[in-house]
Amino acid sequence: MKKLFVVLFLLCGISVCAQIRVNDREQDSSDFPLCVGGKACDIYIDSSDFEVVKKCLRSLPKMWSK
C-alpha cells in the first residue's frame, strides 16, 4: 500500500511540472503585442503547419465573435 501511495504521489508531481509556465520577463525586440487598441494582430496559417494547428487557428475568430 505504501508503494502505491509513493507511485501515485510521484505521478502527481510529474503532472504538476508539465504545466505551462508564465513569466514576467521584460519585453524584448522579438516580442509583439497580440492586441493593441482593441484590434488583434493578423494570424497567418502556412500550408506546412500541422493540421491541428490549422484547426485551432481557424476556430479563433469563432470564439472571439461570441
Protein backbone atom coordinates (compact mmCIF):
# COMPACT_ATOMS: atom_id res chain seq x y z
CA MET A 1 0.00 0.00 0.00
CA LYS A 2 2.85 2.38 0.80
CA LYS A 3 4.46 1.68 -2.58
CA LEU A 4 1.20 2.51 -4.35
CA PHE A 5 0.93 5.78 -2.44
CA VAL A 6 4.51 6.71 -3.36
CA VAL A 7 3.92 5.92 -7.03
CA LEU A 8 0.72 7.97 -7.13
CA PHE A 9 2.44 10.85 -5.35
CA LEU A 10 5.29 10.82 -7.88
CA LEU A 11 2.88 10.73 -10.81
CA CYS A 12 1.06 13.76 -9.44
CA GLY A 13 4.37 15.56 -9.09
CA ILE A 14 5.24 14.86 -12.71
CA SER A 15 1.94 16.30 -13.95
CA VAL A 16 2.49 19.49 -11.93
CA CYS A 17 5.87 20.01 -13.57
CA ALA A 18 4.32 19.62 -17.03
CA GLN A 19 2.16 22.76 -16.72
CA ILE A 20 2.71 25.81 -18.90
CA ARG A 21 4.77 28.46 -17.16
CA VAL A 22 4.05 32.15 -17.48
CA ASN A 23 6.85 34.54 -16.74
CA ASP A 24 7.09 38.23 -16.08
CA ARG A 25 10.24 38.96 -18.01
CA GLU A 26 10.83 42.24 -19.75
CA GLN A 27 9.57 42.59 -23.31
CA ASP A 28 12.36 42.47 -25.90
CA SER A 29 12.61 43.32 -29.60
CA SER A 30 11.39 39.89 -30.77
CA ASP A 31 8.09 40.20 -28.87
CA PHE A 32 4.99 41.73 -30.40
CA PRO A 33 1.55 42.52 -28.95
CA LEU A 34 -1.36 40.29 -29.89
CA CYS A 35 -3.88 43.04 -29.28
CA VAL A 36 -3.44 46.83 -29.30
CA GLY A 37 -6.15 49.47 -29.12
CA GLY A 38 -8.92 46.88 -29.29
CA LYS A 39 -7.62 45.38 -32.54
CA ALA A 40 -6.00 41.97 -32.79
CA CYS A 41 -2.96 41.23 -34.93
CA ASP A 42 -3.29 39.20 -38.12
CA ILE A 43 -2.70 35.46 -37.81
CA TYR A 44 -1.40 33.62 -40.84
CA ILE A 45 -1.65 29.89 -41.50
CA ASP A 46 1.04 28.20 -43.57
CA SER A 47 0.34 25.14 -45.72
CA SER A 48 3.18 23.34 -43.94
CA ASP A 49 1.57 23.80 -40.48
CA PHE A 50 0.24 20.68 -38.81
CA GLU A 51 -3.49 20.08 -39.34
CA VAL A 52 -4.25 20.54 -35.64
CA VAL A 53 -2.61 23.99 -35.73
CA LYS A 54 -4.76 24.95 -38.71
CA LYS A 55 -7.93 23.79 -36.94
CA CYS A 56 -7.09 25.73 -33.78
CA LEU A 57 -6.29 28.91 -35.66
CA ARG A 58 -9.45 28.67 -37.74
CA SER A 59 -11.55 28.35 -34.56
CA LEU A 60 -10.17 31.57 -33.01
CA PRO A 61 -12.46 34.01 -34.88
CA LYS A 62 -15.47 31.88 -33.90
CA MET A 63 -14.50 32.02 -30.22
CA TRP A 64 -13.81 35.76 -30.23
CA SER A 65 -17.05 36.68 -32.01
CA LYS A 66 -19.20 35.23 -29.22
